[in-house]
Amino acid sequence: MSERVIPLIDERQRKVDSFVPAIPEQLLPATGLLSDNRGRQLHDLRISVTDRCNFRCTYCMPKEVFDKDYPYLSHGDLLSFEEIVRIAKIYIGHGVEKIRLTGGEPLLRKHIEKLIAMLAPLKTLSGKPIDLTLTTNGSLLRKKAQSLKDAGLTRITVSLDSLNDETFRKMNDVDFPVADVLDGIAAAQEAGFTNIKVNMVVKKGTNDQEIIPMANYFKNSPIILRFIEFMDVGASNGWNMAEVLSSAEVIKKIHETYPLRNLNPNYSGEVVERWEYADGSGEVGVISSVTQAFCKDCTRARLSTEGKMYLCLFATKGYDLKELLRQGKSDLEISNVIAQIWGQRSDHYSELRGSPEMSDRLKVEMSYIGG
């Protein structure tokens, strides 16, 4: 195995470009049909509510970088709940129908239930409830599940990379037991969540032996299991292509044990390739951002913990919306800034992965803008 080298670089110190965008001279009302210069409409907004996490997963927040001296954002640097809701409403005016709360670990954000209760009543332009979901490592779900449900959260996704306790403790690197995550999932079911997904990042040579046990465990249950290719996000995770197990190989492994049949996507731009067991006993999915780029259908914008807009998980540039909020700019002005930024969007990193122009690219950390 090749030596793992982790550059000790903080995203905020190395200055992935970030600046306060100018207000366009001509201010126009939102139409709800905002497209970028590749024809991709804005549909999803991912909001990171904290840059902190209680896990130190080696592919996301390794201890070598995120140690006890790591300079996390201060409370004053974070978007307030009121600011998050205000920006969310502006994005909805441009056609956003789905909002995902991420982190870090979003359940570490104090009073996260209050934010959910503020977002849950929002309606899409067609008058439907906003699709509000949250991704968590599950460590606090036993404590939080009922309050999240009561606040109006409609869906939840739990990250779980192994059912083998030794493997799982090694991957989260804080000696957290898998049993407690499974108990958190059970708590979510008890609270009344009926749409639960489990995400497994597959890293060849680390946890790929867990694919069939995971499939077997969640088969014959309402929980949808999804396998994610190990991605080259940021500069901290020591990414190596040799550690990527393709989604095609994952599906092949499962199909050999449990025959599968392909399903249609739920909506245009959905990044998950969906499969169901041939005997009708459940659904699995794969996310193939390394081996099968889905840039052409990407409809997601991202908002960092401190209010910067990013156009790609592999972005090199952030646009400071928080500063516009705190300068007292109007909703119409901020709406036009977002429209201008998205309209000029051309990001398609995964289609260019490995090309010379990408070799020295500085990318924002996943723990900073959410997965």
Protein backbone atom coordinates (compact mmCIF):
# COMPACT_ATOMS: atom_id res chain seq x y z
CA MET A 1 0.00 0.00 0.00
CA SER A 2 1.34 3.45 -0.86
CA GLU A 3 2.29 5.80 1.96
CA ARG A 4 -0.54 8.11 3.01
CA VAL A 5 0.49 11.75 2.96
CA ILE A 6 -1.81 14.34 4.49
CA PRO A 7 -1.01 18.02 3.94
CA LEU A 8 -1.60 19.96 7.16
CA ILE A 9 -3.60 22.76 5.57
CA ASP A 10 -6.66 24.58 6.84
CA GLU A 11 -9.06 25.55 4.05
CA ARG A 12 -9.55 29.00 5.52
CA GLN A 13 -5.79 29.58 5.82
CA ARG A 14 -4.85 28.40 2.36
CA LYS A 15 -7.43 30.76 0.86
CA VAL A 16 -9.52 28.89 -1.60
CA ASP A 17 -10.72 32.06 -3.30
CA SER A 18 -13.54 33.79 -1.45
CA PHE A 19 -14.91 37.25 -1.95
CA VAL A 20 -17.96 39.44 -1.51
CA PRO A 21 -19.82 39.54 -4.83
CA ALA A 22 -20.98 42.84 -6.29
CA ILE A 23 -24.65 43.70 -6.58
CA PRO A 24 -25.78 43.66 -10.26
CA GLU A 25 -26.82 47.04 -11.62
CA GLN A 26 -30.12 45.73 -12.96
CA LEU A 27 -32.30 44.06 -10.34
CA LEU A 28 -34.87 41.58 -11.60
CA PRO A 29 -37.42 39.46 -9.71
CA ALA A 30 -36.72 35.72 -9.46
CA THR A 31 -38.51 33.59 -12.06
CA GLY A 32 -38.08 30.21 -10.35
CA LEU A 33 -36.30 28.93 -13.45
CA LEU A 34 -32.63 29.63 -12.82
CA SER A 35 -30.19 27.79 -15.10
CA ASP A 36 -26.41 27.88 -15.34
CA ASN A 37 -24.48 28.18 -18.59
CA ARG A 38 -24.69 24.40 -19.12
CA GLY A 39 -28.48 24.41 -18.79
CA ARG A 40 -28.55 22.97 -15.25
CA GLN A 41 -31.42 24.31 -13.16
CA LEU A 42 -31.05 25.12 -9.47
CA HIS A 43 -33.05 22.53 -7.50
CA ASP A 44 -31.15 21.56 -4.33
CA LEU A 45 -29.53 23.56 -1.53
CA ARG A 46 -27.14 21.98 0.95
CA ILE A 47 -26.55 24.02 4.10
CA SER A 48 -23.67 23.28 6.46
CA VAL A 49 -24.69 24.32 9.98
CA THR A 50 -21.40 23.57 11.77
CA ASP A 51 -17.77 22.85 10.92
CA ARG A 52 -17.41 20.63 14.01
CA CYS A 53 -17.75 16.87 14.24
CA ASN A 54 -17.33 14.32 17.03
CA PHE A 55 -15.92 11.72 14.61
CA ARG A 56 -12.50 11.82 12.95
CA CYS A 57 -13.23 9.72 9.91
CA THR A 58 -10.02 9.23 7.98
CA TYR A 59 -11.61 10.18 4.65
CA CYS A 60 -13.13 13.43 5.93
CA MET A 61 -11.69 14.92 9.16
CA PRO A 62 -8.48 12.99 9.96
CA LYS A 63 -6.92 13.59 13.36
CA GLU A 64 -3.66 14.65 11.78
CA VAL A 65 -5.38 17.83 10.59
CA PHE A 66 -8.42 18.25 12.83
CA ASP A 67 -6.65 17.96 16.19
CA LYS A 68 -7.36 19.70 19.52
CA ASP A 69 -5.70 22.87 18.26
CA TYR A 70 -7.69 23.13 15.03
CA PRO A 71 -9.15 26.68 14.68
CA TYR A 72 -12.88 26.06 14.33
CA LEU A 73 -15.17 28.95 13.47
CA SER A 74 -16.36 31.12 16.33
CA HIS A 75 -20.07 31.42 17.03
CA GLY A 76 -20.14 34.94 15.59
CA ASP A 77 -18.75 33.66 12.30
CA LEU A 78 -21.64 31.23 11.84
CA LEU A 79 -24.81 32.13 10.04
CA SER A 80 -27.59 32.62 12.57
CA PHE A 81 -30.75 30.57 12.19
CA GLU A 82 -32.58 33.70 11.04
CA GLU A 83 -29.94 34.32 8.38
CA ILE A 84 -30.11 30.70 7.20
CA VAL A 85 -33.90 30.88 6.84
CA ARG A 86 -33.70 34.19 5.01
CA ILE A 87 -31.19 32.83 2.48
CA ALA A 88 -33.21 29.60 2.11
CA LYS A 89 -36.29 31.63 1.17
CA ILE A 90 -34.30 33.49 -1.47
CA TYR A 91 -33.05 30.22 -2.95
CA ILE A 92 -36.59 28.82 -2.98
CA GLY A 93 -37.56 31.82 -5.06
CA HIS A 94 -35.08 30.57 -7.66
CA GLY A 95 -36.61 27.09 -7.78
CA VAL A 96 -35.01 25.17 -4.90
CA GLU A 97 -37.29 22.36 -3.74
CA LYS A 98 -34.94 20.37 -1.51
CA ILE A 99 -32.83 21.51 1.44
CA ARG A 100 -30.32 19.24 3.17
CA LEU A 101 -28.71 20.21 6.48
CA THR A 102 -25.13 18.96 6.81
CA GLY A 103 -21.91 19.67 8.70
CA GLY A 104 -19.54 18.65 10.20
CA GLU A 105 -22.04 16.84 12.34
CA PRO A 106 -25.22 18.95 12.20
CA LEU A 107 -26.63 17.58 15.46
CA LEU A 108 -23.75 19.30 17.27
CA ARG A 109 -25.26 22.69 16.35
CA LYS A 110 -26.99 23.92 19.48
CA HIS A 111 -30.79 24.01 19.21
CA ILE A 112 -30.77 22.53 15.70
CA GLU A 113 -34.43 21.61 16.29
CA LYS A 114 -35.27 25.33 16.33
CA LEU A 115 -33.76 25.80 12.87
CA ILE A 116 -35.68 22.80 11.55
CA ALA A 117 -38.91 24.20 12.96
CA MET A 118 -38.18 27.48 11.16
CA LEU A 119 -37.44 25.78 7.82
CA ALA A 120 -40.14 23.10 7.87
CA PRO A 121 -43.10 25.44 7.08
CA LEU A 122 -41.44 26.76 3.91
CA LYS A 123 -43.18 25.99 0.64
CA THR A 124 -41.83 25.54 -2.86
CA LEU A 125 -43.03 27.83 -5.65
CA SER A 126 -45.65 25.21 -6.53
CA GLY A 127 -46.98 25.33 -2.98
CA LYS A 128 -45.62 21.97 -1.84
CA PRO A 129 -43.75 21.58 1.47
CA ILE A 130 -40.01 21.96 1.03
CA ASP A 131 -38.21 18.60 1.05
CA LEU A 132 -36.22 19.04 4.26
CA THR A 133 -33.64 16.42 5.20
CA LEU A 134 -30.51 16.05 7.31
CA THR A 135 -27.36 13.93 7.16
CA THR A 136 -25.85 12.72 10.45
CA ASN A 137 -23.29 10.22 11.73
CA GLY A 138 -26.03 8.89 14.01
CA SER A 139 -24.11 9.30 17.26
CA LEU A 140 -26.69 11.67 18.78
CA LEU A 141 -29.83 10.25 17.17
CA ARG A 142 -31.04 8.36 20.24
CA LYS A 143 -31.08 11.69 22.07
CA LYS A 144 -32.35 13.88 19.23
CA ALA A 145 -34.60 11.78 16.96
CA GLN A 146 -37.96 12.61 18.53
CA SER A 147 -37.28 16.34 18.79
CA LEU A 148 -36.12 16.40 15.15
CA LYS A 149 -39.33 14.69 14.06
CA ASP A 150 -41.48 16.95 16.21
CA ALA A 151 -39.76 20.01 14.71
CA GLY A 152 -40.82 18.95 11.20
CA LEU A 153 -37.83 17.12 9.72
CA THR A 154 -39.19 14.86 7.00
CA ARG A 155 -36.22 12.68 6.07
CA ILE A 156 -32.92 11.61 7.57
CA THR A 157 -29.70 10.05 6.24
CA VAL A 158 -27.23 8.25 8.50
CA SER A 159 -23.58 7.65 7.61
CA LEU A 160 -22.42 4.13 8.51
CA ASP A 161 -19.33 2.62 6.93
CA SER A 162 -19.27 -0.83 8.51
CA LEU A 163 -21.21 -3.24 10.70
CA ASN A 164 -17.96 -4.74 11.95
CA ASP A 165 -17.20 -2.94 15.20
CA GLU A 166 -13.43 -3.10 14.84
CA THR A 167 -13.54 -1.71 11.30
CA PHE A 168 -16.05 0.98 12.22
CA ARG A 169 -14.10 2.18 15.27
CA LYS A 170 -10.96 2.34 13.14
CA MET A 171 -12.69 4.38 10.43
CA ASN A 172 -14.36 6.89 12.79
CA ASP A 173 -11.06 7.03 14.74
CA VAL A 174 -12.70 8.00 18.05
CA ASP A 175 -13.51 4.43 19.15
CA PHE A 176 -17.26 4.95 18.66
CA PRO A 177 -19.20 1.64 18.63
CA VAL A 178 -21.36 0.64 15.69
CA ALA A 179 -24.08 -0.53 18.09
CA ASP A 180 -24.76 3.07 19.14
CA VAL A 181 -25.29 4.17 15.52
CA LEU A 182 -27.66 1.27 14.94
CA ASP A 183 -29.49 2.27 18.11
CA GLY A 184 -29.76 5.81 16.75
CA ILE A 185 -31.32 4.46 13.56
CA ALA A 186 -33.78 2.48 15.67
CA ALA A 187 -34.58 5.66 17.61
CA ALA A 188 -35.36 7.45 14.34
CA GLN A 189 -37.76 4.67 13.39
CA GLU A 190 -39.38 4.82 16.81
CA ALA A 191 -39.82 8.58 16.43
CA GLY A 192 -41.82 8.03 13.26
CA PHE A 193 -39.29 8.59 10.48
CA THR A 194 -40.39 6.47 7.53
CA ASN A 195 -37.82 7.70 5.00
CA ILE A 196 -34.40 6.74 6.35
CA LYS A 197 -31.30 6.21 4.24
CA VAL A 198 -27.92 4.84 5.25
CA ASN A 199 -24.78 5.96 3.39
CA MET A 200 -21.65 3.82 3.27
CA VAL A 201 -18.42 5.25 1.86
CA VAL A 202 -16.59 2.31 0.31
CA LYS A 203 -12.81 2.39 0.55
CA LYS A 204 -11.04 -0.52 -1.14
CA GLY A 205 -8.85 -2.43 1.28
CA THR A 206 -10.53 -0.85 4.29
CA ASN A 207 -14.21 -1.74 4.39
CA ASP A 208 -15.15 -3.23 1.01
CA GLN A 209 -15.53 -6.62 2.71
CA GLU A 210 -18.55 -5.11 4.47
CA ILE A 211 -20.65 -4.60 1.31
CA ILE A 212 -22.55 -7.89 1.51
CA PRO A 213 -23.03 -7.81 5.32
CA MET A 214 -24.45 -4.27 5.01
CA ALA A 215 -26.74 -5.29 2.17
CA ASN A 216 -27.90 -8.32 4.14
CA TYR A 217 -28.56 -6.29 7.29
CA PHE A 218 -30.79 -3.67 5.66
CA LYS A 219 -32.48 -6.03 3.19
CA ASN A 220 -36.11 -6.73 4.13
CA SER A 221 -36.32 -3.34 5.85
CA PRO A 222 -37.71 0.06 4.76
CA ILE A 223 -34.23 1.60 5.08
CA ILE A 224 -32.46 2.37 1.79
CA LEU A 225 -28.73 1.59 1.74
CA ARG A 226 -26.47 3.64 -0.54
CA PHE A 227 -22.83 3.00 -1.40
CA ILE A 228 -20.60 6.01 -2.16
CA GLU A 229 -17.30 5.88 -4.00
CA PHE A 230 -14.33 7.21 -1.99
CA MET A 231 -13.93 10.76 -3.30
CA ASP A 232 -11.00 13.15 -3.71
CA VAL A 233 -12.60 15.95 -1.70
CA GLY A 234 -10.34 18.64 -0.24
CA ALA A 235 -6.69 18.10 0.67
CA SER A 236 -6.96 16.24 3.98
CA ASN A 237 -8.12 12.72 3.23
CA GLY A 238 -5.03 11.30 1.49
CA TRP A 239 -7.12 10.24 -1.50
CA ASN A 240 -5.69 7.59 -3.80
CA MET A 241 -7.47 6.24 -6.89
CA ALA A 242 -6.21 2.76 -5.99
CA GLU A 243 -8.54 2.88 -2.96
CA VAL A 244 -11.64 3.53 -5.07
CA LEU A 245 -13.97 0.59 -5.59
CA SER A 246 -16.26 1.48 -8.47
CA SER A 247 -20.01 1.44 -8.04
CA ALA A 248 -20.20 -1.05 -10.90
CA GLU A 249 -18.09 -3.46 -8.85
CA VAL A 250 -20.28 -2.84 -5.79
CA ILE A 251 -23.44 -3.66 -7.72
CA LYS A 252 -21.78 -6.73 -9.25
CA LYS A 253 -20.85 -8.02 -5.78
CA ILE A 254 -24.37 -7.57 -4.46
CA HIS A 255 -26.03 -8.95 -7.60
CA GLU A 256 -24.01 -12.16 -7.33
CA THR A 257 -25.53 -12.77 -3.90
CA TYR A 258 -28.84 -10.96 -4.16
CA PRO A 259 -30.10 -10.43 -7.75
CA LEU A 260 -30.93 -6.81 -8.52
CA ARG A 261 -32.93 -4.88 -11.08
CA ASN A 262 -32.46 -1.24 -12.04
CA LEU A 263 -34.92 1.50 -11.03
CA ASN A 264 -35.64 4.86 -12.64
CA PRO A 265 -34.41 8.01 -10.86
CA ASN A 266 -36.87 9.84 -8.63
CA TYR A 267 -36.21 13.12 -10.44
CA SER A 268 -33.95 14.65 -13.06
CA GLY A 269 -30.53 15.36 -11.61
CA GLU A 270 -30.69 12.72 -8.88
CA VAL A 271 -27.11 11.56 -8.28
CA VAL A 272 -28.05 8.11 -6.98
CA GLU A 273 -28.33 5.14 -9.34
CA ARG A 274 -31.17 3.13 -7.85
CA TRP A 275 -31.56 -0.66 -7.71
CA GLU A 276 -34.03 -2.96 -6.01
CA TYR A 277 -33.75 -6.58 -5.00
CA ALA A 278 -35.40 -8.82 -7.57
CA ASP A 279 -37.50 -10.44 -4.84
CA GLY A 280 -38.86 -7.01 -3.85
CA SER A 281 -37.20 -7.01 -0.43
CA GLY A 282 -35.70 -3.54 -0.52
CA GLU A 283 -33.72 -0.90 -2.39
CA VAL A 284 -30.03 -0.03 -2.66
CA GLY A 285 -28.29 2.79 -4.47
CA VAL A 286 -24.82 3.82 -5.62
CA ILE A 287 -23.23 7.25 -5.98
CA SER A 288 -20.46 7.17 -8.61
CA SER A 289 -18.89 10.62 -8.53
CA VAL A 290 -15.43 9.24 -9.39
CA THR A 291 -16.07 6.64 -12.09
CA GLN A 292 -19.29 7.96 -13.64
CA ALA A 293 -19.35 11.74 -13.46
CA PHE A 294 -22.84 13.20 -13.17
CA CYS A 295 -21.80 16.84 -13.58
CA LYS A 296 -24.14 17.35 -16.55
CA ASP A 297 -27.17 16.88 -14.29
CA CYS A 298 -25.89 18.58 -11.12
CA THR A 299 -28.54 20.88 -9.63
CA ARG A 300 -26.95 21.57 -6.22
CA ALA A 301 -25.73 24.76 -4.61
CA ARG A 302 -23.93 24.69 -1.26
CA LEU A 303 -23.88 27.14 1.61
CA SER A 304 -20.97 26.92 4.04
CA THR A 305 -21.25 27.29 7.81
CA GLU A 306 -20.13 30.91 7.55
CA GLY A 307 -22.43 31.78 4.68
CA LYS A 308 -20.36 31.31 1.55
CA MET A 309 -22.01 29.99 -1.59
CA TYR A 310 -20.18 27.19 -3.41
CA LEU A 311 -21.15 25.79 -6.79
CA CYS A 312 -19.50 22.37 -6.55
CA LEU A 313 -18.34 19.89 -3.92
CA PHE A 314 -14.91 20.34 -5.51
CA ALA A 315 -15.12 24.13 -5.69
CA THR A 316 -12.14 26.47 -5.62
CA LYS A 317 -14.15 29.63 -5.07
CA GLY A 318 -16.73 30.77 -2.51
CA TYR A 319 -19.07 33.77 -2.65
CA ASP A 320 -19.65 35.53 0.68
CA LEU A 321 -23.41 35.94 1.11
CA LYS A 322 -23.17 36.47 4.87
CA GLU A 323 -21.33 39.74 4.33
CA LEU A 324 -24.13 40.94 2.06
CA LEU A 325 -26.68 40.03 4.74
CA ARG A 326 -24.76 41.90 7.42
CA GLN A 327 -24.23 44.90 5.16
CA GLY A 328 -28.00 45.24 5.09
CA LYS A 329 -28.52 44.30 1.46
CA SER A 330 -32.13 43.58 0.47
CA ASP A 331 -33.54 40.18 -0.46
CA LEU A 332 -33.90 41.40 -4.05
CA GLU A 333 -30.23 42.41 -4.18
CA ILE A 334 -29.05 39.09 -2.73
CA SER A 335 -31.42 37.20 -5.04
CA ASN A 336 -29.83 38.88 -8.05
CA VAL A 337 -26.34 38.08 -6.76
CA ILE A 338 -27.27 34.39 -6.49
CA ALA A 339 -28.86 34.47 -9.95
CA GLN A 340 -25.75 36.03 -11.47
CA ILE A 341 -23.40 33.55 -9.77
CA TRP A 342 -25.45 30.51 -10.75
CA GLY A 343 -26.03 31.82 -14.27
CA GLN A 344 -22.26 31.95 -14.83
CA ARG A 345 -21.66 28.50 -13.31
CA SER A 346 -19.62 26.09 -15.42
CA ASP A 347 -18.23 23.71 -12.75
CA HIS A 348 -17.74 20.12 -13.89
CA TYR A 349 -14.79 18.87 -11.88
CA SER A 350 -15.58 15.16 -12.00
CA GLU A 351 -15.57 15.21 -15.80
CA LEU A 352 -12.06 16.72 -15.71
CA ARG A 353 -10.60 14.62 -12.87
CA GLY A 354 -7.03 13.59 -13.68
CA SER A 355 -6.49 16.23 -16.37
CA PRO A 356 -3.41 18.50 -16.17
CA GLU A 357 -5.54 21.57 -15.41
CA MET A 358 -6.87 19.85 -12.28
CA SER A 359 -3.53 18.66 -10.91
CA ASP A 360 -2.84 21.66 -8.64
CA ARG A 361 -6.45 22.61 -8.00
CA LEU A 362 -7.18 23.78 -4.45
CA LYS A 363 -10.48 22.29 -3.34
CA VAL A 364 -12.65 23.19 -0.36
CA GLU A 365 -12.83 20.60 2.45
CA MET A 366 -15.95 18.42 2.63
CA SER A 367 -16.16 19.01 6.39
CA TYR A 368 -16.48 22.73 5.65
CA ILE A 369 -19.33 22.67 3.12
CA GLY A 370 -20.90 19.26 3.77
CA GLY A 371 -20.96 16.11 1.71
